[in-house]
């Protein structure tokens, strides 16, 4: 099911930055050289509603006793403002990899 309010929210932040871009001033990832290159080659278009994601993973120890680590696979939506993108409800956790010491043989 689609949510028009989410679609509007995801579109507004990067488009606002793109429209007010000033060369040499970095406010967020959208002002960086990679995004600038992708816009000029038409691989990224905020008018079209393209989304930007950051993939993250890191080992996490789940319990204080013993050793049980996992590696969560997380996507962060760069179309949200920095004040919102790292909130729990906005993170996309799409998998978990058990640590090497936790694999069953």
N, C-alpha and C. Protein backbone atom coordinates (compact mmCIF):
# COMPACT_ATOMS: atom_id res chain seq x y z
N UNK A 1 0.84 -1.17 0.00
CA UNK A 1 0.00 0.00 0.00
C UNK A 1 0.89 1.24 0.00
N UNK A 2 0.57 2.21 -0.81
CA UNK A 2 1.36 3.43 -0.88
C UNK A 2 0.82 4.46 0.11
N UNK A 3 1.71 5.34 0.53
CA UNK A 3 1.35 6.41 1.47
C UNK A 3 1.78 7.73 0.87
N UNK A 4 0.83 8.52 0.34
CA UNK A 4 1.18 9.80 -0.28
C UNK A 4 1.95 10.74 0.64
N UNK A 5 1.66 10.69 1.95
CA UNK A 5 2.37 11.58 2.87
C UNK A 5 3.85 11.21 2.96
N UNK A 6 4.16 9.89 2.93
CA UNK A 6 5.56 9.46 2.94
C UNK A 6 6.24 9.84 1.64
N UNK A 7 5.58 9.64 0.54
CA UNK A 7 6.16 9.97 -0.75
C UNK A 7 6.50 11.47 -0.81
N UNK A 8 5.60 12.29 -0.32
CA UNK A 8 5.85 13.73 -0.31
C UNK A 8 7.02 14.07 0.61
N UNK A 9 7.07 13.45 1.77
CA UNK A 9 8.14 13.69 2.73
C UNK A 9 9.50 13.27 2.15
N UNK A 10 9.56 12.13 1.49
CA UNK A 10 10.81 11.63 0.92
C UNK A 10 11.29 12.51 -0.23
N UNK A 11 10.37 13.16 -0.90
CA UNK A 11 10.71 14.00 -2.05
C UNK A 11 11.15 15.40 -1.62
N UNK A 12 10.52 15.94 -0.58
CA UNK A 12 10.72 17.34 -0.22
C UNK A 12 12.13 17.68 0.25
N UNK A 13 12.70 16.87 1.14
CA UNK A 13 13.98 17.24 1.73
C UNK A 13 15.12 17.34 0.69
N UNK A 14 15.39 16.29 -0.09
CA UNK A 14 16.50 16.43 -1.06
C UNK A 14 16.21 17.46 -2.15
N UNK A 15 14.94 17.61 -2.53
CA UNK A 15 14.60 18.58 -3.56
C UNK A 15 14.85 20.01 -3.05
N UNK A 16 14.50 20.26 -1.78
CA UNK A 16 14.74 21.57 -1.18
C UNK A 16 16.24 21.88 -1.17
N UNK A 17 17.06 20.89 -0.81
CA UNK A 17 18.51 21.11 -0.81
C UNK A 17 19.03 21.35 -2.22
N UNK A 18 18.53 20.58 -3.16
CA UNK A 18 18.97 20.71 -4.55
C UNK A 18 18.63 22.10 -5.11
N UNK A 19 17.44 22.58 -4.81
CA UNK A 19 17.00 23.88 -5.33
C UNK A 19 17.78 25.04 -4.73
N UNK A 20 18.26 24.89 -3.49
CA UNK A 20 18.98 25.97 -2.82
C UNK A 20 20.49 25.72 -2.75
N UNK A 21 20.98 24.82 -3.61
CA UNK A 21 22.41 24.45 -3.59
C UNK A 21 23.30 25.64 -3.89
N UNK A 22 24.37 25.76 -3.10
CA UNK A 22 25.40 26.77 -3.32
C UNK A 22 26.73 26.04 -3.46
N UNK A 23 27.40 26.17 -4.59
CA UNK A 23 28.67 25.47 -4.79
C UNK A 23 29.66 25.71 -3.65
N UNK A 24 30.31 24.65 -3.22
CA UNK A 24 31.31 24.75 -2.17
C UNK A 24 30.77 24.63 -0.75
N UNK A 25 29.45 24.60 -0.58
CA UNK A 25 28.85 24.48 0.75
C UNK A 25 28.20 23.10 0.87
N UNK A 26 28.66 22.31 1.84
CA UNK A 26 28.13 20.96 2.06
C UNK A 26 27.22 20.97 3.28
N UNK A 27 25.93 20.76 3.05
CA UNK A 27 24.96 20.70 4.15
C UNK A 27 24.57 19.27 4.46
N UNK A 28 24.64 18.42 3.45
CA UNK A 28 24.25 17.02 3.59
C UNK A 28 24.83 16.26 2.40
N UNK A 29 24.60 14.97 2.37
CA UNK A 29 25.12 14.14 1.28
C UNK A 29 24.66 14.64 -0.09
N UNK A 30 23.48 15.22 -0.15
CA UNK A 30 22.93 15.69 -1.42
C UNK A 30 23.74 16.81 -2.05
N UNK A 31 24.58 17.48 -1.27
CA UNK A 31 25.45 18.55 -1.79
C UNK A 31 26.81 18.03 -2.23
N UNK A 32 27.07 16.74 -2.05
CA UNK A 32 28.38 16.17 -2.35
C UNK A 32 28.65 16.00 -3.84
N UNK A 33 29.90 15.72 -4.15
CA UNK A 33 30.34 15.56 -5.54
C UNK A 33 29.67 14.38 -6.23
N UNK A 34 29.48 13.27 -5.51
CA UNK A 34 28.85 12.10 -6.14
C UNK A 34 27.43 12.42 -6.58
N UNK A 35 26.64 13.02 -5.70
CA UNK A 35 25.25 13.37 -6.07
C UNK A 35 25.23 14.39 -7.20
N UNK A 36 26.16 15.33 -7.17
CA UNK A 36 26.25 16.32 -8.24
C UNK A 36 26.53 15.64 -9.58
N UNK A 37 27.47 14.70 -9.58
CA UNK A 37 27.80 13.94 -10.79
C UNK A 37 26.59 13.14 -11.27
N UNK A 38 25.92 12.46 -10.34
CA UNK A 38 24.77 11.64 -10.71
C UNK A 38 23.63 12.49 -11.27
N UNK A 39 23.44 13.69 -10.74
CA UNK A 39 22.41 14.60 -11.28
C UNK A 39 22.78 15.03 -12.70
N UNK A 40 24.05 15.39 -12.92
CA UNK A 40 24.47 15.85 -14.24
C UNK A 40 24.43 14.75 -15.30
N UNK A 41 24.59 13.51 -14.89
CA UNK A 41 24.50 12.39 -15.84
C UNK A 41 23.08 11.83 -15.91
N UNK A 42 22.18 12.47 -15.20
CA UNK A 42 20.75 12.11 -15.16
C UNK A 42 20.47 10.72 -14.57
N UNK A 43 21.41 10.23 -13.76
CA UNK A 43 21.17 8.97 -13.04
C UNK A 43 20.43 9.23 -11.73
N UNK A 44 20.42 10.48 -11.30
CA UNK A 44 19.71 10.88 -10.09
C UNK A 44 18.87 12.09 -10.43
N UNK A 45 17.58 12.01 -10.12
CA UNK A 45 16.68 13.11 -10.43
C UNK A 45 15.68 13.26 -9.30
N UNK A 46 15.81 14.33 -8.53
CA UNK A 46 14.90 14.55 -7.41
C UNK A 46 13.48 14.86 -7.88
N UNK A 47 13.34 15.42 -9.06
CA UNK A 47 12.01 15.68 -9.60
C UNK A 47 11.27 14.37 -9.87
N UNK A 48 12.03 13.34 -10.21
CA UNK A 48 11.47 12.03 -10.48
C UNK A 48 11.12 11.28 -9.20
N UNK A 49 11.69 11.73 -8.08
CA UNK A 49 11.41 11.09 -6.81
C UNK A 49 12.39 9.99 -6.45
N UNK A 50 13.62 10.06 -6.96
CA UNK A 50 14.61 9.04 -6.64
C UNK A 50 14.91 9.02 -5.13
N UNK A 51 15.24 7.85 -4.64
CA UNK A 51 15.56 7.66 -3.23
C UNK A 51 17.04 7.37 -3.06
N UNK A 52 17.60 7.84 -1.96
CA UNK A 52 18.99 7.56 -1.63
C UNK A 52 19.06 6.78 -0.33
N UNK A 53 19.82 5.68 -0.32
CA UNK A 53 19.96 4.86 0.88
C UNK A 53 21.42 4.67 1.22
N UNK A 54 21.68 4.48 2.49
CA UNK A 54 23.00 4.17 3.02
C UNK A 54 22.93 2.78 3.64
N UNK A 55 23.82 1.89 3.23
CA UNK A 55 23.88 0.53 3.77
C UNK A 55 24.87 0.52 4.92
N UNK A 56 24.47 -0.07 6.04
CA UNK A 56 25.33 -0.12 7.22
C UNK A 56 25.26 -1.49 7.87
N UNK A 57 26.40 -1.93 8.38
CA UNK A 57 26.44 -3.15 9.16
C UNK A 57 27.59 -3.05 10.15
N UNK A 58 27.42 -3.64 11.30
CA UNK A 58 28.45 -3.64 12.33
C UNK A 58 28.11 -4.71 13.34
N UNK A 59 29.12 -5.31 13.93
CA UNK A 59 28.89 -6.35 14.93
C UNK A 59 28.28 -5.77 16.20
N UNK A 60 27.32 -6.50 16.76
CA UNK A 60 26.63 -6.07 17.97
C UNK A 60 26.63 -7.23 18.95
N UNK A 61 27.07 -7.00 20.18
CA UNK A 61 27.03 -8.03 21.21
C UNK A 61 25.67 -7.93 21.89
N UNK A 62 24.93 -9.04 21.88
CA UNK A 62 23.56 -9.01 22.39
C UNK A 62 23.45 -9.19 23.90
N UNK A 63 24.36 -9.93 24.50
CA UNK A 63 24.28 -10.21 25.93
C UNK A 63 25.58 -9.85 26.60
N UNK A 64 25.52 -9.48 27.90
CA UNK A 64 26.74 -9.10 28.62
C UNK A 64 27.57 -10.31 29.02
N UNK A 65 26.95 -11.47 29.19
CA UNK A 65 27.70 -12.69 29.52
C UNK A 65 27.97 -13.49 28.25
N UNK A 66 29.12 -14.11 28.24
CA UNK A 66 29.45 -14.93 27.07
C UNK A 66 29.68 -14.06 25.85
N UNK A 67 29.71 -14.70 24.72
CA UNK A 67 29.96 -13.98 23.48
C UNK A 67 28.90 -14.38 22.47
N UNK A 68 28.03 -13.47 22.15
CA UNK A 68 27.03 -13.70 21.12
C UNK A 68 26.90 -12.43 20.31
N UNK A 69 27.54 -12.40 19.18
CA UNK A 69 27.50 -11.21 18.33
C UNK A 69 26.73 -11.51 17.05
N UNK A 70 26.06 -10.49 16.57
CA UNK A 70 25.36 -10.57 15.28
C UNK A 70 25.74 -9.33 14.47
N UNK A 71 25.49 -9.41 13.19
CA UNK A 71 25.73 -8.28 12.29
C UNK A 71 24.40 -7.90 11.64
N UNK A 72 23.72 -6.86 12.16
CA UNK A 72 22.48 -6.42 11.51
C UNK A 72 22.78 -5.73 10.19
N UNK A 73 21.90 -5.91 9.22
CA UNK A 73 22.00 -5.27 7.91
C UNK A 73 20.96 -4.16 7.87
N UNK A 74 21.40 -2.93 7.78
CA UNK A 74 20.51 -1.78 7.95
C UNK A 74 20.60 -0.84 6.74
N UNK A 75 19.45 -0.34 6.32
CA UNK A 75 19.39 0.71 5.31
C UNK A 75 18.88 1.99 5.98
N UNK A 76 19.57 3.10 5.68
CA UNK A 76 19.17 4.41 6.19
C UNK A 76 18.68 5.22 4.99
N UNK A 77 17.52 5.82 5.12
CA UNK A 77 16.91 6.59 4.04
C UNK A 77 17.45 8.02 4.06
N UNK A 78 18.30 8.36 3.09
CA UNK A 78 18.88 9.70 3.02
C UNK A 78 17.88 10.75 2.55
N UNK A 79 16.70 10.35 2.15
CA UNK A 79 15.70 11.32 1.73
C UNK A 79 15.02 11.99 2.93
N UNK A 80 15.30 11.49 4.12
CA UNK A 80 14.78 12.12 5.33
C UNK A 80 15.83 13.09 5.87
N UNK A 81 15.39 14.16 6.54
CA UNK A 81 16.36 15.07 7.16
C UNK A 81 17.19 14.32 8.21
N UNK A 82 18.42 14.77 8.47
CA UNK A 82 19.27 14.10 9.45
C UNK A 82 18.60 13.93 10.82
N UNK A 83 17.76 14.85 11.21
CA UNK A 83 17.08 14.75 12.51
C UNK A 83 16.08 13.59 12.57
N UNK A 84 15.71 13.03 11.42
CA UNK A 84 14.73 11.95 11.37
C UNK A 84 15.28 10.62 10.85
N UNK A 85 16.33 10.65 10.05
CA UNK A 85 16.75 9.45 9.32
C UNK A 85 17.27 8.33 10.20
N UNK A 86 17.80 8.64 11.38
CA UNK A 86 18.35 7.59 12.24
C UNK A 86 17.41 7.18 13.36
N UNK A 87 16.19 7.66 13.35
CA UNK A 87 15.21 7.24 14.35
C UNK A 87 14.81 5.79 14.07
N UNK A 88 14.54 5.06 15.14
CA UNK A 88 14.24 3.63 15.02
C UNK A 88 13.14 3.34 14.00
N UNK A 89 12.10 4.14 13.99
CA UNK A 89 10.97 3.87 13.10
C UNK A 89 11.31 4.13 11.63
N UNK A 90 12.42 4.80 11.36
CA UNK A 90 12.80 5.10 9.98
C UNK A 90 13.93 4.23 9.43
N UNK A 91 14.53 3.41 10.28
CA UNK A 91 15.58 2.49 9.83
C UNK A 91 14.94 1.25 9.21
N UNK A 92 15.57 0.73 8.19
CA UNK A 92 15.09 -0.49 7.55
C UNK A 92 16.10 -1.60 7.88
N UNK A 93 15.71 -2.51 8.76
CA UNK A 93 16.57 -3.64 9.11
C UNK A 93 16.10 -4.82 8.28
N UNK A 94 16.93 -5.23 7.32
CA UNK A 94 16.47 -6.26 6.39
C UNK A 94 17.17 -7.60 6.55
N UNK A 95 18.00 -7.72 7.57
CA UNK A 95 18.64 -9.01 7.80
C UNK A 95 19.59 -8.97 8.97
N UNK A 96 19.94 -10.16 9.45
CA UNK A 96 20.89 -10.30 10.54
C UNK A 96 21.80 -11.49 10.21
N UNK A 97 23.10 -11.28 10.32
CA UNK A 97 24.06 -12.35 10.08
C UNK A 97 24.67 -12.74 11.42
N UNK A 98 24.63 -14.03 11.79
CA UNK A 98 25.26 -14.42 13.06
C UNK A 98 26.77 -14.29 12.96
N UNK A 99 27.40 -13.98 14.11
CA UNK A 99 28.85 -13.88 14.16
C UNK A 99 29.50 -15.24 13.91
N UNK A 100 30.78 -15.25 13.58
CA UNK A 100 31.47 -16.49 13.26
C UNK A 100 31.42 -17.50 14.40
N UNK A 101 31.50 -17.05 15.65
CA UNK A 101 31.49 -17.98 16.78
C UNK A 101 30.09 -18.52 17.08
N UNK A 102 29.08 -18.06 16.38
CA UNK A 102 27.71 -18.46 16.67
C UNK A 102 27.10 -19.37 15.61
N UNK A 103 27.86 -19.67 14.57
CA UNK A 103 27.34 -20.53 13.53
C UNK A 103 27.27 -21.98 14.03
N UNK A 104 26.19 -22.63 13.75
CA UNK A 104 26.02 -24.01 14.18
C UNK A 104 26.75 -24.92 13.20
N UNK A 105 27.47 -25.89 13.72
CA UNK A 105 28.20 -26.80 12.84
C UNK A 105 27.51 -28.11 12.72
